[in-house]
Amino acid sequence: MNQQEKDSFAKITELATERFNLYRLAASQHLTPIQLQRLHQIDNELPQMWDLHRREVASKQWGRRETNLNPGSGPNRGSRDIA
C-alpha cells in the first residue's frame, strides 16, 4: 500500500470512528443540531473517500497488470489447433 492509499484509508478510518462515536452518543441522548449536521456530513463524505481509495488501489493494480502483461503470453495463447 503506497502513501496515498494509506492516507485515504486513514481518513476513512477517522471518519468511521467519528461516525461510530456519534451513533453511540445518539443511543444515550439526543444529538445537537451541530452533531446531526456532522453525522450527515460524514455519511456523505465516507462513500466519496471509499470511492477514492478504490480508484487508488485499482490504478495501482491496473498499472502493475499493464506492465506485466504480454499480449502473446498466457495459457493457450498462440497454441490453438485450428481444425
Protein backbone atom coordinates (compact mmCIF):
# COMPACT_ATOMS: atom_id res chain seq x y z
CA MET A 1 0.00 0.00 0.00
CA ASN A 2 1.53 3.31 -1.05
CA GLN A 3 1.38 6.53 0.99
CA GLN A 4 -1.59 7.93 -0.94
CA GLU A 5 -3.61 4.76 -0.24
CA LYS A 6 -2.56 4.85 3.42
CA ASP A 7 -3.67 8.48 3.70
CA SER A 8 -7.08 7.84 2.16
CA PHE A 9 -7.61 4.74 4.30
CA ALA A 10 -6.56 6.65 7.43
CA LYS A 11 -9.16 9.31 6.60
CA ILE A 12 -11.80 6.60 6.12
CA THR A 13 -10.90 5.10 9.49
CA GLU A 14 -11.03 8.51 11.16
CA LEU A 15 -14.46 9.30 9.70
CA ALA A 16 -15.84 5.85 10.53
CA THR A 17 -14.65 6.18 14.13
CA GLU A 18 -16.19 9.63 14.45
CA ARG A 19 -19.47 8.36 13.00
CA PHE A 20 -19.44 5.39 15.38
CA ASN A 21 -18.93 7.72 18.35
CA LEU A 22 -21.80 9.93 17.22
CA TYR A 23 -24.10 6.91 16.87
CA ARG A 24 -23.04 5.69 20.30
CA LEU A 25 -23.79 9.12 21.74
CA ALA A 26 -27.16 9.15 19.96
CA ALA A 27 -28.05 5.90 21.70
CA SER A 28 -27.92 7.61 25.08
CA GLN A 29 -29.07 11.15 24.28
CA HIS A 30 -30.39 13.40 21.55
CA LEU A 31 -27.74 14.78 19.24
CA THR A 32 -27.42 18.53 18.96
CA PRO A 33 -28.13 20.12 15.58
CA ILE A 34 -24.37 20.55 15.07
CA GLN A 35 -23.75 16.87 15.85
CA LEU A 36 -26.55 15.84 13.48
CA GLN A 37 -25.11 18.05 10.78
CA ARG A 38 -21.68 16.48 11.29
CA LEU A 39 -23.19 12.98 11.11
CA HIS A 40 -24.83 13.82 7.78
CA GLN A 41 -21.58 15.33 6.53
CA ILE A 42 -19.68 12.15 7.45
CA ASP A 43 -22.36 9.99 5.80
CA ASN A 44 -21.85 11.97 2.59
CA GLU A 45 -18.05 12.05 2.78
CA LEU A 46 -17.39 8.39 3.57
CA PRO A 47 -18.68 6.96 0.26
CA GLN A 48 -16.57 9.53 -1.60
CA MET A 49 -13.49 8.53 0.38
CA TRP A 50 -14.13 4.84 -0.27
CA ASP A 51 -14.51 5.60 -3.98
CA LEU A 52 -11.21 7.50 -3.96
CA HIS A 53 -9.47 4.66 -2.13
CA ARG A 54 -10.84 2.03 -4.53
CA ARG A 55 -9.67 4.12 -7.51
CA GLU A 56 -6.18 4.43 -6.00
CA VAL A 57 -5.95 0.68 -5.43
CA ALA A 58 -7.34 -0.12 -8.89
CA SER A 59 -4.96 2.33 -10.52
CA LYS A 60 -2.02 0.69 -8.82
CA GLN A 61 -3.22 -2.80 -9.75
CA TRP A 62 -4.02 -1.78 -13.33
CA GLY A 63 -0.60 -0.22 -13.74
CA ARG A 64 1.02 -3.35 -12.40
CA ARG A 65 -1.10 -5.56 -14.62
CA GLU A 66 -0.43 -3.36 -17.63
CA THR A 67 3.35 -3.65 -17.27
CA ASN A 68 3.29 -7.39 -16.55
CA LEU A 69 1.03 -8.49 -19.38
CA ASN A 70 2.45 -9.55 -22.66
CA PRO A 71 -0.27 -9.88 -25.34
CA GLY A 72 1.09 -13.19 -26.62
CA SER A 73 1.59 -14.85 -23.26
CA GLY A 74 -0.73 -16.85 -21.07
CA PRO A 75 -2.33 -20.27 -21.26
CA ASN A 76 -3.30 -21.44 -24.73
CA ARG A 77 -2.24 -18.19 -26.39
CA GLY A 78 -0.93 -18.85 -29.85
CA SER A 79 -1.02 -22.60 -29.39
CA ARG A 80 -4.56 -23.41 -30.51
CA ASP A 81 -5.04 -26.04 -33.13
CA ILE A 82 -7.41 -24.89 -35.80
CA ALA A 83 -9.30 -27.70 -37.48
